[in-house]
Amino acid sequence: MLIQNLEKKVQELKNKGLTNGVVKNYLKEYFQLFILEFFYNQKKYQDLIFTGGSCLRFCYGLNRLSEDLDLDSLKKIDKKELVKKIKEYFKKNLQYKDLEISIKGKGEKIYLKFPILKILKLSKLGETDKLYVKIEIEKVYKTPFGLEKTPILQDGFSFFVKNYDLPSLMAGKINAILFRIFFKGKEDKIIFKGRDWYDLIWYFRKGIKPNSAYLKKLTKISDEKEIFKKLDEKAMKLNLSHLKSDIENLFESKKFVEDFAANFRDLYKKLSSYLILA
């Protein structure tokens, strides 16, 4: 049943002329919904705090696709036990037995691997058959963030999640832009995530202001003007080619991605001015 649903989804997406990269990310989001349903329909995991781009996407209507699931926890999560429960969920509820799961890295990131790309004709010769969905659960401590409960009503799913409010999410995004170390490519170079900058522009357009107390706590910078100055400096030095390449599979329109990258600095200057303190 699961494979049949996926085949139908893939055909509908391909009929729209979308690239394989974009189609794969739509499928990742579909699997994210199953995983979120699993978390928030079990009492043990209902206190997890949904965050990141997927949270913006599902809870607040962010108009870009998201690849991974990010959650925070106020208590330690036994990830080996969690992996076992996720496998049981897919096997029992979806009659899907081919799921592979691994835990990697110091942060104990969980990788779900679905060997479905060949059967869905999304994998070319020499490419992997596996669609990866990453789950990252980080330990957090009580800080001045705001929380909300949001209903998810999509693709036949209906459940509530616990998530950060928009000002707290924005504070987390600014902190990630300023201080997150991100490695990518064969040379393991430190670069930025273009999607973070797209999300920041989205916040600007919504007129959201970051949770000030939470932002200062995260960045360890007490002067908010200094935080925004650092943000401005990074924005003006941004490699627009990296920006474009990171978000190209997160939108249906290639032309939009090209135009966004080309106009990024002007958009940033125009839209960020409301953050400047009097």
C-alpha atoms as a PDB file:
ATOM      1  CA  MET A   1       0.000   0.000   0.000  1.00  0.00           C
ATOM      2  CA  LEU A   2       2.769   2.458   0.889  1.00  0.00           C
ATOM      3  CA  ILE A   3       4.638   1.856  -2.380  1.00  0.00           C
ATOM      4  CA  GLN A   4       1.419   2.237  -4.373  1.00  0.00           C
ATOM      5  CA  ASN A   5       0.741   5.595  -2.697  1.00  0.00           C
ATOM      6  CA  LEU A   6       4.289   6.707  -3.437  1.00  0.00           C
ATOM      7  CA  GLU A   7       4.018   5.673  -7.084  1.00  0.00           C
ATOM      8  CA  LYS A   8       0.838   7.727  -7.406  1.00  0.00           C
ATOM      9  CA  LYS A   9       2.471  10.739  -5.780  1.00  0.00           C
ATOM     10  CA  VAL A  10       5.552  10.491  -7.995  1.00  0.00           C
ATOM     11  CA  GLN A  11       3.446  10.316 -11.150  1.00  0.00           C
ATOM     12  CA  GLU A  12       1.426  13.373 -10.112  1.00  0.00           C
ATOM     13  CA  LEU A  13       4.618  15.329  -9.402  1.00  0.00           C
ATOM     14  CA  LYS A  14       6.318  14.260 -12.622  1.00  0.00           C
ATOM     15  CA  ASN A  15       3.244  15.302 -14.588  1.00  0.00           C
ATOM     16  CA  LYS A  16       4.005  18.828 -13.342  1.00  0.00           C
ATOM     17  CA  GLY A  17       7.435  18.630 -14.975  1.00  0.00           C
ATOM     18  CA  LEU A  18       9.380  18.623 -11.703  1.00  0.00           C
ATOM     19  CA  THR A  19      12.972  17.414 -11.496  1.00  0.00           C
ATOM     20  CA  ASN A  20      13.866  14.215  -9.656  1.00  0.00           C
ATOM     21  CA  GLY A  21      15.571  16.276  -6.955  1.00  0.00           C
ATOM     22  CA  VAL A  22      12.370  18.191  -6.189  1.00  0.00           C
ATOM     23  CA  VAL A  23      10.243  15.028  -6.347  1.00  0.00           C
ATOM     24  CA  LYS A  24      12.536  13.310  -3.838  1.00  0.00           C
ATOM     25  CA  ASN A  25      12.116  16.184  -1.403  1.00  0.00           C
ATOM     26  CA  TYR A  26       8.327  15.972  -1.721  1.00  0.00           C
ATOM     27  CA  LEU A  27       8.612  12.294  -0.789  1.00  0.00           C
ATOM     28  CA  LYS A  28      10.830  13.162   2.167  1.00  0.00           C
ATOM     29  CA  GLU A  29       8.125  15.497   3.435  1.00  0.00           C
ATOM     30  CA  TYR A  30       5.552  12.732   3.070  1.00  0.00           C
ATOM     31  CA  PHE A  31       7.687  10.444   5.239  1.00  0.00           C
ATOM     32  CA  GLN A  32       8.197  13.282   7.710  1.00  0.00           C
ATOM     33  CA  LEU A  33       4.453  13.316   8.311  1.00  0.00           C
ATOM     34  CA  PHE A  34       4.478   9.629   9.235  1.00  0.00           C
ATOM     35  CA  ILE A  35       7.382  10.221  11.617  1.00  0.00           C
ATOM     36  CA  LEU A  36       5.745  13.242  13.245  1.00  0.00           C
ATOM     37  CA  GLU A  37       2.510  11.305  13.648  1.00  0.00           C
ATOM     38  CA  PHE A  38       4.500   8.557  15.346  1.00  0.00           C
ATOM     39  CA  PHE A  39       6.134  11.021  17.776  1.00  0.00           C
ATOM     40  CA  TYR A  40       3.088  13.036  18.748  1.00  0.00           C
ATOM     41  CA  ASN A  41       0.662  10.151  19.072  1.00  0.00           C
ATOM     42  CA  GLN A  42       2.875   8.518  21.705  1.00  0.00           C
ATOM     43  CA  LYS A  43       2.842   9.952  25.222  1.00  0.00           C
ATOM     44  CA  LYS A  44       6.578   9.322  25.656  1.00  0.00           C
ATOM     45  CA  TYR A  45       7.510  11.680  22.818  1.00  0.00           C
ATOM     46  CA  GLN A  46       4.750  14.297  22.966  1.00  0.00           C
ATOM     47  CA  ASP A  47       7.002  16.788  24.753  1.00  0.00           C
ATOM     48  CA  LEU A  48       9.477  16.946  21.879  1.00  0.00           C
ATOM     49  CA  ILE A  49       9.623  20.478  20.480  1.00  0.00           C
ATOM     50  CA  PHE A  50       9.283  20.716  16.704  1.00  0.00           C
ATOM     51  CA  THR A  51      11.695  23.215  15.149  1.00  0.00           C
ATOM     52  CA  GLY A  52      13.619  24.074  11.980  1.00  0.00           C
ATOM     53  CA  GLY A  53      12.493  24.502   8.389  1.00  0.00           C
ATOM     54  CA  SER A  54      10.052  21.586   8.519  1.00  0.00           C
ATOM     55  CA  CYS A  55       8.327  23.263  11.460  1.00  0.00           C
ATOM     56  CA  LEU A  56       8.007  26.479   9.473  1.00  0.00           C
ATOM     57  CA  ARG A  57       6.702  24.479   6.527  1.00  0.00           C
ATOM     58  CA  PHE A  58       4.069  22.394   8.332  1.00  0.00           C
ATOM     59  CA  CYS A  59       3.035  24.820  11.075  1.00  0.00           C
ATOM     60  CA  TYR A  60       3.353  28.250   9.469  1.00  0.00           C
ATOM     61  CA  GLY A  61       3.108  27.726   5.708  1.00  0.00           C
ATOM     62  CA  LEU A  62       6.726  28.302   4.624  1.00  0.00           C
ATOM     63  CA  ASN A  63       6.711  28.024   0.829  1.00  0.00           C
ATOM     64  CA  ARG A  64       9.768  25.830   0.365  1.00  0.00           C
ATOM     65  CA  LEU A  65      10.351  22.120   0.744  1.00  0.00           C
ATOM     66  CA  SER A  66      12.232  20.688   3.707  1.00  0.00           C
ATOM     67  CA  GLU A  67      14.556  17.687   3.791  1.00  0.00           C
ATOM     68  CA  ASP A  68      15.088  16.877   7.473  1.00  0.00           C
ATOM     69  CA  LEU A  69      13.294  16.805  10.810  1.00  0.00           C
ATOM     70  CA  ASP A  70      14.678  18.835  13.720  1.00  0.00           C
ATOM     71  CA  LEU A  71      13.328  18.477  17.238  1.00  0.00           C
ATOM     72  CA  ASP A  72      14.466  19.618  20.670  1.00  0.00           C
ATOM     73  CA  SER A  73      14.029  17.799  23.950  1.00  0.00           C
ATOM     74  CA  LEU A  74      14.208  18.941  27.553  1.00  0.00           C
ATOM     75  CA  LYS A  75      15.153  15.416  28.593  1.00  0.00           C
ATOM     76  CA  LYS A  76      17.541  12.823  27.252  1.00  0.00           C
ATOM     77  CA  ILE A  77      16.119  10.532  24.579  1.00  0.00           C
ATOM     78  CA  ASP A  78      17.212   6.907  24.322  1.00  0.00           C
ATOM     79  CA  LYS A  79      17.848   6.891  20.575  1.00  0.00           C
ATOM     80  CA  LYS A  80      18.455   3.162  20.315  1.00  0.00           C
ATOM     81  CA  GLU A  81      15.042   2.536  21.817  1.00  0.00           C
ATOM     82  CA  LEU A  82      13.569   5.225  19.554  1.00  0.00           C
ATOM     83  CA  VAL A  83      15.019   3.591  16.427  1.00  0.00           C
ATOM     84  CA  LYS A  84      13.477   0.265  17.435  1.00  0.00           C
ATOM     85  CA  LYS A  85      10.066   1.872  17.961  1.00  0.00           C
ATOM     86  CA  ILE A  86      10.174   3.682  14.606  1.00  0.00           C
ATOM     87  CA  LYS A  87      10.922   0.423  12.787  1.00  0.00           C
ATOM     88  CA  GLU A  88       8.064  -1.273  14.616  1.00  0.00           C
ATOM     89  CA  TYR A  89       5.745   1.601  13.655  1.00  0.00           C
ATOM     90  CA  PHE A  90       6.489   1.323   9.940  1.00  0.00           C
ATOM     91  CA  LYS A  91       6.214  -2.459  10.044  1.00  0.00           C
ATOM     92  CA  LYS A  92       2.977  -2.607  12.023  1.00  0.00           C
ATOM     93  CA  ASN A  93       1.101   0.469  10.796  1.00  0.00           C
ATOM     94  CA  LEU A  94       2.265   0.578   7.181  1.00  0.00           C
ATOM     95  CA  GLN A  95       3.257  -3.040   6.554  1.00  0.00           C
ATOM     96  CA  TYR A  96       6.607  -1.698   5.397  1.00  0.00           C
ATOM     97  CA  LYS A  97       9.527  -3.965   6.357  1.00  0.00           C
ATOM     98  CA  ASP A  98      12.400  -2.599   4.255  1.00  0.00           C
ATOM     99  CA  LEU A  99      13.203   0.469   6.340  1.00  0.00           C
ATOM    100  CA  GLU A 100      16.839   0.744   7.409  1.00  0.00           C
ATOM    101  CA  ILE A 101      17.843   3.020  10.306  1.00  0.00           C
ATOM    102  CA  SER A 102      21.243   4.055  11.601  1.00  0.00           C
ATOM    103  CA  ILE A 103      22.548   6.394  14.297  1.00  0.00           C
ATOM    104  CA  LYS A 104      25.629   8.395  13.327  1.00  0.00           C
ATOM    105  CA  GLY A 105      27.841  11.201  14.584  1.00  0.00           C
ATOM    106  CA  LYS A 106      28.500  12.728  17.966  1.00  0.00           C
ATOM    107  CA  GLY A 107      25.106  14.358  17.871  1.00  0.00           C
ATOM    108  CA  GLU A 108      23.589  10.936  17.306  1.00  0.00           C
ATOM    109  CA  LYS A 109      21.676  11.876  14.190  1.00  0.00           C
ATOM    110  CA  ILE A 110      19.141   9.280  13.096  1.00  0.00           C
ATOM    111  CA  TYR A 111      19.049   8.372   9.413  1.00  0.00           C
ATOM    112  CA  LEU A 112      16.040   6.600   7.951  1.00  0.00           C
ATOM    113  CA  LYS A 113      16.842   4.903   4.641  1.00  0.00           C
ATOM    114  CA  PHE A 114      14.031   3.887   2.315  1.00  0.00           C
ATOM    115  CA  PRO A 115      15.205   1.680  -0.619  1.00  0.00           C
ATOM    116  CA  ILE A 116      12.515   2.916  -3.008  1.00  0.00           C
ATOM    117  CA  LEU A 117      14.157   5.134  -5.624  1.00  0.00           C
ATOM    118  CA  LYS A 118      14.689   2.443  -8.266  1.00  0.00           C
ATOM    119  CA  ILE A 119      11.163   1.110  -8.109  1.00  0.00           C
ATOM    120  CA  LEU A 120       9.895   4.703  -8.321  1.00  0.00           C
ATOM    121  CA  LYS A 121      12.246   5.391 -11.259  1.00  0.00           C
ATOM    122  CA  LEU A 122      13.962   8.225  -9.397  1.00  0.00           C
ATOM    123  CA  SER A 123      17.418   6.657  -9.390  1.00  0.00           C
ATOM    124  CA  LYS A 124      19.688   6.617 -12.416  1.00  0.00           C
ATOM    125  CA  LEU A 125      22.341   3.992 -13.134  1.00  0.00           C
ATOM    126  CA  GLY A 126      25.060   4.202 -10.498  1.00  0.00           C
ATOM    127  CA  GLU A 127      22.954   6.278  -8.101  1.00  0.00           C
ATOM    128  CA  THR A 128      21.745   5.088  -4.712  1.00  0.00           C
ATOM    129  CA  ASP A 129      18.406   3.348  -4.354  1.00  0.00           C
ATOM    130  CA  LYS A 130      17.858   4.868  -0.931  1.00  0.00           C
ATOM    131  CA  LEU A 131      15.880   7.946   0.016  1.00  0.00           C
ATOM    132  CA  TYR A 132      17.330   9.413   3.224  1.00  0.00           C
ATOM    133  CA  VAL A 133      15.376  11.238   5.915  1.00  0.00           C
ATOM    134  CA  LYS A 134      17.418  12.626   8.792  1.00  0.00           C
ATOM    135  CA  ILE A 135      16.048  13.149  12.302  1.00  0.00           C
ATOM    136  CA  GLU A 136      18.065  15.326  14.651  1.00  0.00           C
ATOM    137  CA  ILE A 137      17.009  15.575  18.295  1.00  0.00           C
ATOM    138  CA  GLU A 138      19.004  17.990  20.440  1.00  0.00           C
ATOM    139  CA  LYS A 139      18.949  18.429  24.192  1.00  0.00           C
ATOM    140  CA  VAL A 140      17.895  21.921  25.263  1.00  0.00           C
ATOM    141  CA  TYR A 141      17.569  23.574  28.638  1.00  0.00           C
ATOM    142  CA  LYS A 142      14.856  25.807  29.975  1.00  0.00           C
ATOM    143  CA  THR A 143      15.286  29.188  28.349  1.00  0.00           C
ATOM    144  CA  PRO A 144      12.957  32.105  27.551  1.00  0.00           C
ATOM    145  CA  PHE A 145      11.423  30.595  24.420  1.00  0.00           C
ATOM    146  CA  GLY A 146       7.737  30.493  23.518  1.00  0.00           C
ATOM    147  CA  LEU A 147       5.806  27.330  22.679  1.00  0.00           C
ATOM    148  CA  GLU A 148       2.601  26.605  20.816  1.00  0.00           C
ATOM    149  CA  LYS A 149       0.430  23.611  19.954  1.00  0.00           C
ATOM    150  CA  THR A 150      -0.349  23.366  16.237  1.00  0.00           C
ATOM    151  CA  PRO A 151      -2.702  20.998  14.382  1.00  0.00           C
ATOM    152  CA  ILE A 152      -1.257  19.223  11.346  1.00  0.00           C
ATOM    153  CA  LEU A 153      -3.998  18.491   8.823  1.00  0.00           C
ATOM    154  CA  GLN A 154      -2.378  17.335   5.605  1.00  0.00           C
ATOM    155  CA  ASP A 155      -2.332  14.328   3.243  1.00  0.00           C
ATOM    156  CA  GLY A 156      -4.842  12.470   5.393  1.00  0.00           C
ATOM    157  CA  PHE A 157      -2.913  13.114   8.634  1.00  0.00           C
ATOM    158  CA  SER A 158      -4.464  14.777  11.674  1.00  0.00           C
ATOM    159  CA  PHE A 159      -2.485  15.332  14.870  1.00  0.00           C
ATOM    160  CA  PHE A 160      -1.083  18.105  17.061  1.00  0.00           C
ATOM    161  CA  VAL A 161       2.588  19.005  17.461  1.00  0.00           C
ATOM    162  CA  LYS A 162       4.356  21.041  20.115  1.00  0.00           C
ATOM    163  CA  ASN A 163       6.480  23.710  18.439  1.00  0.00           C
ATOM    164  CA  TYR A 164       8.347  26.949  19.046  1.00  0.00           C
ATOM    165  CA  ASP A 165       6.455  30.139  18.258  1.00  0.00           C
ATOM    166  CA  LEU A 166       7.653  32.295  15.351  1.00  0.00           C
ATOM    167  CA  PRO A 167       9.730  34.809  17.382  1.00  0.00           C
ATOM    168  CA  SER A 168      11.586  31.931  19.077  1.00  0.00           C
ATOM    169  CA  LEU A 169      12.077  30.109  15.759  1.00  0.00           C
ATOM    170  CA  MET A 170      13.479  33.293  14.253  1.00  0.00           C
ATOM    171  CA  ALA A 171      15.902  33.683  17.142  1.00  0.00           C
ATOM    172  CA  GLY A 172      17.090  30.126  16.566  1.00  0.00           C
ATOM    173  CA  LYS A 173      17.480  30.784  12.846  1.00  0.00           C
ATOM    174  CA  ILE A 174      19.606  33.893  13.400  1.00  0.00           C
ATOM    175  CA  ASN A 175      21.811  32.012  15.841  1.00  0.00           C
ATOM    176  CA  ALA A 176      22.242  29.173  13.311  1.00  0.00           C
ATOM    177  CA  ILE A 177      23.196  31.635  10.560  1.00  0.00           C
ATOM    178  CA  LEU A 178      25.783  33.312  12.757  1.00  0.00           C
ATOM    179  CA  PHE A 179      27.355  30.330  14.467  1.00  0.00           C
ATOM    180  CA  ARG A 180      26.398  26.966  12.937  1.00  0.00           C
ATOM    181  CA  ILE A 181      29.328  25.074  11.400  1.00  0.00           C
ATOM    182  CA  PHE A 182      28.174  23.214   8.321  1.00  0.00           C
ATOM    183  CA  PHE A 183      30.365  20.807   6.330  1.00  0.00           C
ATOM    184  CA  LYS A 184      29.558  19.823   2.760  1.00  0.00           C
ATOM    185  CA  GLY A 185      31.228  18.254  -0.259  1.00  0.00           C
ATOM    186  CA  LYS A 186      34.244  16.023  -0.801  1.00  0.00           C
ATOM    187  CA  GLU A 187      36.623  18.589   0.664  1.00  0.00           C
ATOM    188  CA  ASP A 188      34.416  19.000   3.744  1.00  0.00           C
ATOM    189  CA  LYS A 189      34.468  22.760   3.423  1.00  0.00           C
ATOM    190  CA  ILE A 190      32.678  24.950   5.931  1.00  0.00           C
ATOM    191  CA  ILE A 191      29.888  26.738   4.096  1.00  0.00           C
ATOM    192  CA  PHE A 192      26.476  28.121   4.942  1.00  0.00           C
ATOM    193  CA  LYS A 193      23.009  26.764   4.334  1.00  0.00           C
ATOM    194  CA  GLY A 194      21.276  28.868   1.706  1.00  0.00           C
ATOM    195  CA  ARG A 195      17.898  27.752   3.012  1.00  0.00           C
ATOM    196  CA  ASP A 196      18.614  29.545   6.301  1.00  0.00           C
ATOM    197  CA  TRP A 197      18.919  32.828   4.424  1.00  0.00           C
ATOM    198  CA  TYR A 198      15.764  32.143   2.442  1.00  0.00           C
ATOM    199  CA  ASP A 199      13.916  31.496   5.704  1.00  0.00           C
ATOM    200  CA  LEU A 200      15.271  34.736   7.153  1.00  0.00           C
ATOM    201  CA  ILE A 201      13.872  36.692   4.210  1.00  0.00           C
ATOM    202  CA  TRP A 202      10.563  34.890   4.800  1.00  0.00           C
ATOM    203  CA  TYR A 203      10.575  36.121   8.425  1.00  0.00           C
ATOM    204  CA  PHE A 204      11.334  39.643   7.216  1.00  0.00           C
ATOM    205  CA  ARG A 205       8.399  39.585   4.806  1.00  0.00           C
ATOM    206  CA  LYS A 206       6.113  38.463   7.633  1.00  0.00           C
ATOM    207  CA  GLY A 207       7.362  41.297   9.853  1.00  0.00           C
ATOM    208  CA  ILE A 208       8.367  38.858  12.606  1.00  0.00           C
ATOM    209  CA  LYS A 209      10.774  40.086  15.267  1.00  0.00           C
ATOM    210  CA  PRO A 210      12.969  37.555  17.081  1.00  0.00           C
ATOM    211  CA  ASN A 211      12.408  36.712  20.722  1.00  0.00           C
ATOM    212  CA  SER A 212      14.990  39.156  22.118  1.00  0.00           C
ATOM    213  CA  ALA A 213      15.746  37.383  25.399  1.00  0.00           C
ATOM    214  CA  TYR A 214      16.068  34.010  23.674  1.00  0.00           C
ATOM    215  CA  LEU A 215      18.262  35.479  20.905  1.00  0.00           C
ATOM    216  CA  LYS A 216      20.677  36.959  23.443  1.00  0.00           C
ATOM    217  CA  LYS A 217      20.729  33.681  25.370  1.00  0.00           C
ATOM    218  CA  LEU A 218      21.508  31.643  22.245  1.00  0.00           C
ATOM    219  CA  THR A 219      24.145  33.954  20.782  1.00  0.00           C
ATOM    220  CA  LYS A 220      25.663  34.939  24.127  1.00  0.00           C
ATOM    221  CA  ILE A 221      25.653  38.538  22.855  1.00  0.00           C
ATOM    222  CA  SER A 222      23.871  41.015  25.122  1.00  0.00           C
ATOM    223  CA  ASP A 223      23.688  43.876  22.599  1.00  0.00           C
ATOM    224  CA  GLU A 224      21.002  43.160  20.000  1.00  0.00           C
ATOM    225  CA  LYS A 225      22.420  45.839  17.670  1.00  0.00           C
ATOM    226  CA  GLU A 226      25.689  43.924  17.572  1.00  0.00           C
ATOM    227  CA  ILE A 227      23.824  40.743  16.606  1.00  0.00           C
ATOM    228  CA  PHE A 228      22.110  42.464  13.690  1.00  0.00           C
ATOM    229  CA  LYS A 229      25.382  44.087  12.624  1.00  0.00           C
ATOM    230  CA  LYS A 230      27.019  40.654  12.400  1.00  0.00           C
ATOM    231  CA  LEU A 231      24.017  39.407  10.442  1.00  0.00           C
ATOM    232  CA  ASP A 232      24.307  42.322   7.976  1.00  0.00           C
ATOM    233  CA  GLU A 233      28.008  41.672   7.462  1.00  0.00           C
ATOM    234  CA  LYS A 234      27.413  38.004   6.666  1.00  0.00           C
ATOM    235  CA  ALA A 235      24.558  38.816   4.295  1.00  0.00           C
ATOM    236  CA  MET A 236      26.660  41.209   2.238  1.00  0.00           C
ATOM    237  CA  LYS A 237      29.495  38.665   1.881  1.00  0.00           C
ATOM    238  CA  LEU A 238      27.256  35.765   0.948  1.00  0.00           C
ATOM    239  CA  ASN A 239      28.322  33.525  -1.943  1.00  0.00           C
ATOM    240  CA  LEU A 240      25.217  33.687  -4.117  1.00  0.00           C
ATOM    241  CA  SER A 241      26.221  30.575  -6.050  1.00  0.00           C
ATOM    242  CA  HIS A 242      26.177  28.535  -2.817  1.00  0.00           C
ATOM    243  CA  LEU A 243      22.844  30.118  -1.938  1.00  0.00           C
ATOM    244  CA  LYS A 244      21.331  29.055  -5.255  1.00  0.00           C
ATOM    245  CA  SER A 245      22.720  25.500  -5.207  1.00  0.00           C
ATOM    246  CA  ASP A 246      21.423  24.797  -1.702  1.00  0.00           C
ATOM    247  CA  ILE A 247      17.816  25.788  -2.427  1.00  0.00           C
ATOM    248  CA  GLU A 248      17.411  24.644  -6.039  1.00  0.00           C
ATOM    249  CA  ASN A 249      15.707  21.347  -5.081  1.00  0.00           C
ATOM    250  CA  LEU A 250      13.459  23.023  -2.509  1.00  0.00           C
ATOM    251  CA  PHE A 251      11.278  24.877  -5.032  1.00  0.00           C
ATOM    252  CA  GLU A 252       9.278  23.810  -8.058  1.00  0.00           C
ATOM    253  CA  SER A 253      10.396  26.820 -10.106  1.00  0.00           C
ATOM    254  CA  LYS A 254      14.044  27.023 -11.184  1.00  0.00           C
ATOM    255  CA  LYS A 255      13.442  30.576 -12.398  1.00  0.00           C
ATOM    256  CA  PHE A 256      12.334  31.626  -8.919  1.00  0.00           C
ATOM    257  CA  VAL A 257      15.514  30.188  -7.384  1.00  0.00           C
ATOM    258  CA  GLU A 258      17.669  32.039  -9.916  1.00  0.00           C
ATOM    259  CA  ASP A 259      15.818  35.313  -9.337  1.00  0.00           C
ATOM    260  CA  PHE A 260      15.953  34.947  -5.555  1.00  0.00           C
ATOM    261  CA  ALA A 261      19.718  34.417  -5.566  1.00  0.00           C
ATOM    262  CA  ALA A 262      20.257  37.291  -8.005  1.00  0.00           C
ATOM    263  CA  ASN A 263      18.162  39.701  -5.932  1.00  0.00           C
ATOM    264  CA  PHE A 264      19.070  38.457  -2.466  1.00  0.00           C
ATOM    265  CA  ARG A 265      21.171  41.413  -1.297  1.00  0.00           C
ATOM    266  CA  ASP A 266      18.604  43.981  -2.436  1.00  0.00           C
ATOM    267  CA  LEU A 267      15.839  42.018  -0.723  1.00  0.00           C
ATOM    268  CA  TYR A 268      17.863  41.775   2.463  1.00  0.00           C
ATOM    269  CA  LYS A 269      18.592  45.519   2.581  1.00  0.00           C
ATOM    270  CA  LYS A 270      15.002  46.437   1.814  1.00  0.00           C
ATOM    271  CA  LEU A 271      13.292  44.029   4.193  1.00  0.00           C
ATOM    272  CA  SER A 272      15.654  43.893   7.187  1.00  0.00           C
ATOM    273  CA  SER A 273      15.486  47.570   8.098  1.00  0.00           C
ATOM    274  CA  TYR A 274      12.590  47.045  10.549  1.00  0.00           C
ATOM    275  CA  LEU A 275      14.937  45.074  12.829  1.00  0.00           C
ATOM    276  CA  ILE A 276      17.109  48.096  13.582  1.00  0.00           C
ATOM    277  CA  LEU A 277      16.466  49.309  17.096  1.00  0.00           C
ATOM    278  CA  ALA A 278      15.573  52.932  17.757  1.00  0.00           C
END
